[in-house]
Amino acid sequence: MQKVTGRSDDMIILRGVNIFPTQVEEQL
């Protein structure tokens, strides 16, 4: 299984964009 970097229930929907905390971590 590919590394899990998000869950359907920790997804942030912000002004129509789907965001996972790991995406922010990657940029940080």
PDB file of all heavy atoms in Angstrom:
ATOM      1  N   MET A   1       0.857  -1.176   0.000  1.00  0.00           N
ATOM      2  CA  MET A   1       0.000   0.000   0.000  1.00  0.00           C
ATOM      3  C   MET A   1       0.900   1.236   0.000  1.00  0.00           C
ATOM      4  O   MET A   1       1.927   1.274   0.666  1.00  0.00           O
ATOM      5  CB  MET A   1      -0.933   0.010   1.214  1.00  0.00           C
ATOM      6  CG  MET A   1      -0.260  -0.216   2.557  1.00  0.00           C
ATOM      7  SD  MET A   1      -1.401  -0.295   3.954  1.00  0.00           S
ATOM      8  CE  MET A   1      -1.639   1.459   4.285  1.00  0.00           C
ATOM      9  N   GLN A   2       0.539   2.183  -0.820  1.00  0.00           N
ATOM     10  CA  GLN A   2       1.290   3.433  -0.853  1.00  0.00           C
ATOM     11  C   GLN A   2       1.215   4.111   0.513  1.00  0.00           C
ATOM     12  O   GLN A   2       0.232   3.968   1.234  1.00  0.00           O
ATOM     13  CB  GLN A   2       0.699   4.347  -1.924  1.00  0.00           C
ATOM     14  CG  GLN A   2       1.533   5.574  -2.248  1.00  0.00           C
ATOM     15  CD  GLN A   2       0.862   6.407  -3.327  1.00  0.00           C
ATOM     16  OE1 GLN A   2      -0.293   6.799  -3.215  1.00  0.00           O
ATOM     17  NE2 GLN A   2       1.557   6.641  -4.416  1.00  0.00           N
ATOM     18  N   LYS A   3       2.259   4.831   0.856  1.00  0.00           N
ATOM     19  CA  LYS A   3       2.286   5.562   2.117  1.00  0.00           C
ATOM     20  C   LYS A   3       1.013   6.393   2.281  1.00  0.00           C
ATOM     21  O   LYS A   3       0.635   7.129   1.374  1.00  0.00           O
ATOM     22  CB  LYS A   3       3.503   6.482   2.087  1.00  0.00           C
ATOM     23  CG  LYS A   3       3.950   7.004   3.393  1.00  0.00           C
ATOM     24  CD  LYS A   3       5.296   7.723   3.165  1.00  0.00           C
ATOM     25  CE  LYS A   3       6.000   8.067   4.344  1.00  0.00           C
ATOM     26  NZ  LYS A   3       5.499   7.776   5.613  1.00  0.00           N
ATOM     27  N   VAL A   4       0.333   6.255   3.418  1.00  0.00           N
ATOM     28  CA  VAL A   4      -0.876   7.025   3.673  1.00  0.00           C
ATOM     29  C   VAL A   4      -0.476   8.441   4.083  1.00  0.00           C
ATOM     30  O   VAL A   4       0.211   8.637   5.085  1.00  0.00           O
ATOM     31  CB  VAL A   4      -1.736   6.387   4.793  1.00  0.00           C
ATOM     32  CG1 VAL A   4      -2.916   7.291   5.154  1.00  0.00           C
ATOM     33  CG2 VAL A   4      -2.238   5.017   4.360  1.00  0.00           C
ATOM     34  N   THR A   5      -0.883   9.412   3.317  1.00  0.00           N
ATOM     35  CA  THR A   5      -0.579  10.798   3.670  1.00  0.00           C
ATOM     36  C   THR A   5      -1.843  11.614   3.948  1.00  0.00           C
ATOM     37  O   THR A   5      -1.777  12.826   4.139  1.00  0.00           O
ATOM     38  CB  THR A   5       0.255  11.496   2.569  1.00  0.00           C
ATOM     39  OG1 THR A   5      -0.407  11.347   1.328  1.00  0.00           O
ATOM     40  CG2 THR A   5       1.651  10.883   2.485  1.00  0.00           C
ATOM     41  N   GLY A   6      -2.984  10.940   3.972  1.00  0.00           N
ATOM     42  CA  GLY A   6      -4.220  11.650   4.293  1.00  0.00           C
ATOM     43  C   GLY A   6      -5.366  10.688   4.556  1.00  0.00           C
ATOM     44  O   GLY A   6      -5.333   9.520   4.152  1.00  0.00           O
ATOM     45  N   ARG A   7      -6.352  11.174   5.277  1.00  0.00           N
ATOM     46  CA  ARG A   7      -7.566  10.426   5.563  1.00  0.00           C
ATOM     47  C   ARG A   7      -8.760  11.199   5.036  1.00  0.00           C
ATOM     48  O   ARG A   7      -8.755  12.435   5.053  1.00  0.00           O
ATOM     49  CB  ARG A   7      -7.735  10.221   7.062  1.00  0.00           C
ATOM     50  CG  ARG A   7      -6.712   9.328   7.708  1.00  0.00           C
ATOM     51  CD  ARG A   7      -6.849   9.345   9.236  1.00  0.00           C
ATOM     52  NE  ARG A   7      -8.228   9.099   9.685  1.00  0.00           N
ATOM     53  CZ  ARG A   7      -8.753   7.911   9.881  1.00  0.00           C
ATOM     54  NH1 ARG A   7      -8.025   6.849   9.656  1.00  0.00           N
ATOM     55  NH2 ARG A   7     -10.013   7.772  10.298  1.00  0.00           N
ATOM     56  N   SER A   8      -9.763  10.483   4.592  1.00  0.00           N
ATOM     57  CA  SER A   8     -10.944  11.172   4.086  1.00  0.00           C
ATOM     58  C   SER A   8     -11.598  12.025   5.167  1.00  0.00           C
ATOM     59  O   SER A   8     -12.262  13.004   4.876  1.00  0.00           O
ATOM     60  CB  SER A   8     -11.952  10.169   3.511  1.00  0.00           C
ATOM     61  OG  SER A   8     -12.364   9.247   4.502  1.00  0.00           O
ATOM     62  N   ASP A   9     -11.378  11.660   6.456  1.00  0.00           N
ATOM     63  CA  ASP A   9     -12.002  12.442   7.520  1.00  0.00           C
ATOM     64  C   ASP A   9     -11.069  13.471   8.164  1.00  0.00           C
ATOM     65  O   ASP A   9     -11.467  14.144   9.101  1.00  0.00           O
ATOM     66  CB  ASP A   9     -12.627  11.535   8.596  1.00  0.00           C
ATOM     67  CG  ASP A   9     -11.663  10.521   9.182  1.00  0.00           C
ATOM     68  OD1 ASP A   9     -10.474  10.552   8.799  1.00  0.00           O
ATOM     69  OD2 ASP A   9     -12.093   9.707  10.010  1.00  0.00           O
ATOM     70  N   ASP A  10      -9.788  13.612   7.713  1.00  0.00           N
ATOM     71  CA  ASP A  10      -8.988  14.741   8.173  1.00  0.00           C
ATOM     72  C   ASP A  10      -8.743  15.748   7.057  1.00  0.00           C
ATOM     73  O   ASP A  10      -7.947  16.667   7.179  1.00  0.00           O
ATOM     74  CB  ASP A  10      -7.668  14.293   8.831  1.00  0.00           C
ATOM     75  CG  ASP A  10      -6.622  13.753   7.869  1.00  0.00           C
ATOM     76  OD1 ASP A  10      -6.840  13.797   6.657  1.00  0.00           O
ATOM     77  OD2 ASP A  10      -5.565  13.290   8.334  1.00  0.00           O
ATOM     78  N   MET A  11      -9.458  15.569   5.962  1.00  0.00           N
ATOM     79  CA  MET A  11      -9.356  16.498   4.844  1.00  0.00           C
ATOM     80  C   MET A  11     -10.013  17.830   5.208  1.00  0.00           C
ATOM     81  O   MET A  11     -11.112  17.875   5.744  1.00  0.00           O
ATOM     82  CB  MET A  11     -10.025  15.897   3.607  1.00  0.00           C
ATOM     83  CG  MET A  11      -9.895  16.730   2.350  1.00  0.00           C
ATOM     84  SD  MET A  11     -10.510  15.849   0.906  1.00  0.00           S
ATOM     85  CE  MET A  11     -12.283  15.859   1.234  1.00  0.00           C
ATOM     86  N   ILE A  12      -9.315  18.908   4.929  1.00  0.00           N
ATOM     87  CA  ILE A  12      -9.838  20.255   5.118  1.00  0.00           C
ATOM     88  C   ILE A  12     -10.382  20.737   3.777  1.00  0.00           C
ATOM     89  O   ILE A  12      -9.685  20.658   2.753  1.00  0.00           O
ATOM     90  CB  ILE A  12      -8.724  21.217   5.601  1.00  0.00           C
ATOM     91  CG1 ILE A  12      -8.103  20.719   6.911  1.00  0.00           C
ATOM     92  CG2 ILE A  12      -9.257  22.639   5.746  1.00  0.00           C
ATOM     93  CD1 ILE A  12      -6.756  21.371   7.211  1.00  0.00           C
ATOM     94  N   ILE A  13     -11.619  21.171   3.759  1.00  0.00           N
ATOM     95  CA  ILE A  13     -12.161  21.783   2.537  1.00  0.00           C
ATOM     96  C   ILE A  13     -12.191  23.285   2.778  1.00  0.00           C
ATOM     97  O   ILE A  13     -12.958  23.788   3.594  1.00  0.00           O
ATOM     98  CB  ILE A  13     -13.557  21.241   2.195  1.00  0.00           C
ATOM     99  CG1 ILE A  13     -13.513  19.713   2.043  1.00  0.00           C
ATOM    100  CG2 ILE A  13     -14.085  21.876   0.916  1.00  0.00           C
ATOM    101  CD1 ILE A  13     -14.854  19.053   1.813  1.00  0.00           C
ATOM    102  N   LEU A  14     -11.302  24.000   2.103  1.00  0.00           N
ATOM    103  CA  LEU A  14     -11.149  25.431   2.302  1.00  0.00           C
ATOM    104  C   LEU A  14     -11.458  26.155   0.998  1.00  0.00           C
ATOM    105  O   LEU A  14     -10.699  26.052   0.026  1.00  0.00           O
ATOM    106  CB  LEU A  14      -9.729  25.755   2.780  1.00  0.00           C
ATOM    107  CG  LEU A  14      -9.498  27.183   3.296  1.00  0.00           C
ATOM    108  CD1 LEU A  14     -10.124  27.364   4.669  1.00  0.00           C
ATOM    109  CD2 LEU A  14      -8.013  27.490   3.348  1.00  0.00           C
ATOM    110  N   ARG A  15     -12.564  26.848   1.008  1.00  0.00           N
ATOM    111  CA  ARG A  15     -13.005  27.590  -0.179  1.00  0.00           C
ATOM    112  C   ARG A  15     -12.964  26.714  -1.434  1.00  0.00           C
ATOM    113  O   ARG A  15     -12.465  27.118  -2.497  1.00  0.00           O
ATOM    114  CB  ARG A  15     -12.158  28.859  -0.359  1.00  0.00           C
ATOM    115  CG  ARG A  15     -12.241  29.820   0.838  1.00  0.00           C
ATOM    116  CD  ARG A  15     -11.541  31.138   0.611  1.00  0.00           C
ATOM    117  NE  ARG A  15     -10.090  31.042   0.527  1.00  0.00           N
ATOM    118  CZ  ARG A  15      -9.276  31.026   1.561  1.00  0.00           C
ATOM    119  NH1 ARG A  15      -9.780  31.108   2.790  1.00  0.00           N
ATOM    120  NH2 ARG A  15      -7.970  30.938   1.396  1.00  0.00           N
ATOM    121  N   GLY A  16     -13.455  25.496  -1.275  1.00  0.00           N
ATOM    122  CA  GLY A  16     -13.585  24.578  -2.405  1.00  0.00           C
ATOM    123  C   GLY A  16     -12.350  23.765  -2.739  1.00  0.00           C
ATOM    124  O   GLY A  16     -12.371  22.951  -3.660  1.00  0.00           O
ATOM    125  N   VAL A  17     -11.247  23.977  -2.007  1.00  0.00           N
ATOM    126  CA  VAL A  17     -10.003  23.226  -2.255  1.00  0.00           C
ATOM    127  C   VAL A  17      -9.820  22.181  -1.152  1.00  0.00           C
ATOM    128  O   VAL A  17      -9.949  22.485   0.027  1.00  0.00           O
ATOM    129  CB  VAL A  17      -8.780  24.171  -2.298  1.00  0.00           C
ATOM    130  CG1 VAL A  17      -7.496  23.375  -2.547  1.00  0.00           C
ATOM    131  CG2 VAL A  17      -8.968  25.243  -3.365  1.00  0.00           C
ATOM    132  N   ASN A  18      -9.520  20.947  -1.563  1.00  0.00           N
ATOM    133  CA  ASN A  18      -9.262  19.869  -0.598  1.00  0.00           C
ATOM    134  C   ASN A  18      -7.805  19.908  -0.157  1.00  0.00           C
ATOM    135  O   ASN A  18      -6.889  19.872  -0.985  1.00  0.00           O
ATOM    136  CB  ASN A  18      -9.572  18.506  -1.222  1.00  0.00           C
ATOM    137  CG  ASN A  18     -11.030  18.370  -1.597  1.00  0.00           C
ATOM    138  OD1 ASN A  18     -11.883  19.142  -1.153  1.00  0.00           O
ATOM    139  ND2 ASN A  18     -11.342  17.391  -2.419  1.00  0.00           N
ATOM    140  N   ILE A  19      -7.587  19.961   1.152  1.00  0.00           N
ATOM    141  CA  ILE A  19      -6.234  20.067   1.698  1.00  0.00           C
ATOM    142  C   ILE A  19      -6.046  19.026   2.796  1.00  0.00           C
ATOM    143  O   ILE A  19      -6.934  18.823   3.633  1.00  0.00           O
ATOM    144  CB  ILE A  19      -5.977  21.472   2.309  1.00  0.00           C
ATOM    145  CG1 ILE A  19      -6.315  22.568   1.303  1.00  0.00           C
ATOM    146  CG2 ILE A  19      -4.541  21.622   2.804  1.00  0.00           C
ATOM    147  CD1 ILE A  19      -6.507  23.912   1.947  1.00  0.00           C
ATOM    148  N   PHE A  20      -4.872  18.397   2.804  1.00  0.00           N
ATOM    149  CA  PHE A  20      -4.486  17.510   3.897  1.00  0.00           C
ATOM    150  C   PHE A  20      -3.324  18.141   4.657  1.00  0.00           C
ATOM    151  O   PHE A  20      -2.459  18.782   4.051  1.00  0.00           O
ATOM    152  CB  PHE A  20      -4.075  16.135   3.361  1.00  0.00           C
ATOM    153  CG  PHE A  20      -5.202  15.374   2.736  1.00  0.00           C
ATOM    154  CD1 PHE A  20      -5.360  15.355   1.355  1.00  0.00           C
ATOM    155  CD2 PHE A  20      -6.112  14.697   3.526  1.00  0.00           C
ATOM    156  CE1 PHE A  20      -6.408  14.668   0.776  1.00  0.00           C
ATOM    157  CE2 PHE A  20      -7.166  14.001   2.952  1.00  0.00           C
ATOM    158  CZ  PHE A  20      -7.312  13.989   1.582  1.00  0.00           C
ATOM    159  N   PRO A  21      -3.276  17.962   5.982  1.00  0.00           N
ATOM    160  CA  PRO A  21      -2.161  18.526   6.753  1.00  0.00           C
ATOM    161  C   PRO A  21      -0.787  18.123   6.222  1.00  0.00           C
ATOM    162  O   PRO A  21       0.163  18.906   6.295  1.00  0.00           O
ATOM    163  CB  PRO A  21      -2.400  17.973   8.163  1.00  0.00           C
ATOM    164  CG  PRO A  21      -3.887  17.763   8.236  1.00  0.00           C
ATOM    165  CD  PRO A  21      -4.294  17.331   6.856  1.00  0.00           C
ATOM    166  N   THR A  22      -0.667  16.916   5.681  1.00  0.00           N
ATOM    167  CA  THR A  22       0.630  16.483   5.167  1.00  0.00           C
ATOM    168  C   THR A  22       1.095  17.334   3.988  1.00  0.00           C
ATOM    169  O   THR A  22       2.288  17.459   3.737  1.00  0.00           O
ATOM    170  CB  THR A  22       0.582  15.006   4.738  1.00  0.00           C
ATOM    171  OG1 THR A  22      -0.577  14.787   3.924  1.00  0.00           O
ATOM    172  CG2 THR A  22       0.560  14.080   5.942  1.00  0.00           C
ATOM    173  N   GLN A  23       0.150  17.909   3.235  1.00  0.00           N
ATOM    174  CA  GLN A  23       0.542  18.799   2.138  1.00  0.00           C
ATOM    175  C   GLN A  23       1.225  20.056   2.674  1.00  0.00           C
ATOM    176  O   GLN A  23       2.204  20.538   2.099  1.00  0.00           O
ATOM    177  CB  GLN A  23      -0.686  19.188   1.298  1.00  0.00           C
ATOM    178  CG  GLN A  23      -1.271  18.056   0.488  1.00  0.00           C
ATOM    179  CD  GLN A  23      -2.544  18.489  -0.222  1.00  0.00           C
ATOM    180  OE1 GLN A  23      -3.613  18.618   0.397  1.00  0.00           O
ATOM    181  NE2 GLN A  23      -2.436  18.753  -1.512  1.00  0.00           N
ATOM    182  N   VAL A  24       0.695  20.568   3.786  1.00  0.00           N
ATOM    183  CA  VAL A  24       1.312  21.739   4.423  1.00  0.00           C
ATOM    184  C   VAL A  24       2.691  21.347   4.968  1.00  0.00           C
ATOM    185  O   VAL A  24       3.662  22.084   4.825  1.00  0.00           O
ATOM    186  CB  VAL A  24       0.400  22.288   5.541  1.00  0.00           C
ATOM    187  CG1 VAL A  24       1.101  23.412   6.312  1.00  0.00           C
ATOM    188  CG2 VAL A  24      -0.925  22.769   4.956  1.00  0.00           C
ATOM    189  N   GLU A  25       2.782  20.166   5.586  1.00  0.00           N
ATOM    190  CA  GLU A  25       4.058  19.673   6.106  1.00  0.00           C
ATOM    191  C   GLU A  25       5.110  19.616   5.002  1.00  0.00           C
ATOM    192  O   GLU A  25       6.264  20.021   5.189  1.00  0.00           O
ATOM    193  CB  GLU A  25       3.866  18.288   6.717  1.00  0.00           C
ATOM    194  CG  GLU A  25       5.157  17.623   7.203  1.00  0.00           C
ATOM    195  CD  GLU A  25       4.915  16.201   7.657  1.00  0.00           C
ATOM    196  OE1 GLU A  25       4.445  16.025   8.791  1.00  0.00           O
ATOM    197  OE2 GLU A  25       5.184  15.261   6.887  1.00  0.00           O
ATOM    198  N   GLU A  26       4.722  19.129   3.842  1.00  0.00           N
ATOM    199  CA  GLU A  26       5.642  18.987   2.714  1.00  0.00           C
ATOM    200  C   GLU A  26       6.225  20.334   2.303  1.00  0.00           C
ATOM    201  O   GLU A  26       7.409  20.455   2.025  1.00  0.00           O
ATOM    202  CB  GLU A  26       4.914  18.334   1.541  1.00  0.00           C
ATOM    203  CG  GLU A  26       5.809  17.599   0.604  1.00  0.00           C
ATOM    204  CD  GLU A  26       5.089  16.550  -0.181  1.00  0.00           C
ATOM    205  OE1 GLU A  26       3.893  16.722  -0.489  1.00  0.00           O
ATOM    206  OE2 GLU A  26       5.715  15.533  -0.488  1.00  0.00           O
ATOM    207  N   GLN A  27       5.373  21.374   2.278  1.00  0.00           N
ATOM    208  CA  GLN A  27       5.849  22.713   1.917  1.00  0.00           C
ATOM    209  C   GLN A  27       6.725  23.290   3.030  1.00  0.00           C
ATOM    210  O   GLN A  27       7.749  23.928   2.770  1.00  0.00           O
ATOM    211  CB  GLN A  27       4.665  23.655   1.627  1.00  0.00           C
ATOM    212  CG  GLN A  27       3.694  23.160   0.542  1.00  0.00           C
ATOM    213  CD  GLN A  27       4.407  22.751  -0.740  1.00  0.00           C
ATOM    214  OE1 GLN A  27       5.283  23.459  -1.247  1.00  0.00           O
ATOM    215  NE2 GLN A  27       4.049  21.568  -1.262  1.00  0.00           N
ATOM    216  N   LEU A  28       6.329  23.071   4.282  1.00  0.00           N
ATOM    217  CA  LEU A  28       7.083  23.583   5.426  1.00  0.00           C
ATOM    218  C   LEU A  28       8.523  23.079   5.413  1.00  0.00           C
ATOM    219  O   LEU A  28       9.467  23.826   5.685  1.00  0.00           O
ATOM    220  CB  LEU A  28       6.381  23.177   6.725  1.00  0.00           C
ATOM    221  CG  LEU A  28       7.127  23.402   8.050  1.00  0.00           C
ATOM    222  CD1 LEU A  28       7.333  24.895   8.296  1.00  0.00           C
ATOM    223  CD2 LEU A  28       6.357  22.770   9.217  1.00  0.00           C
TER     224      LEU A  28
END
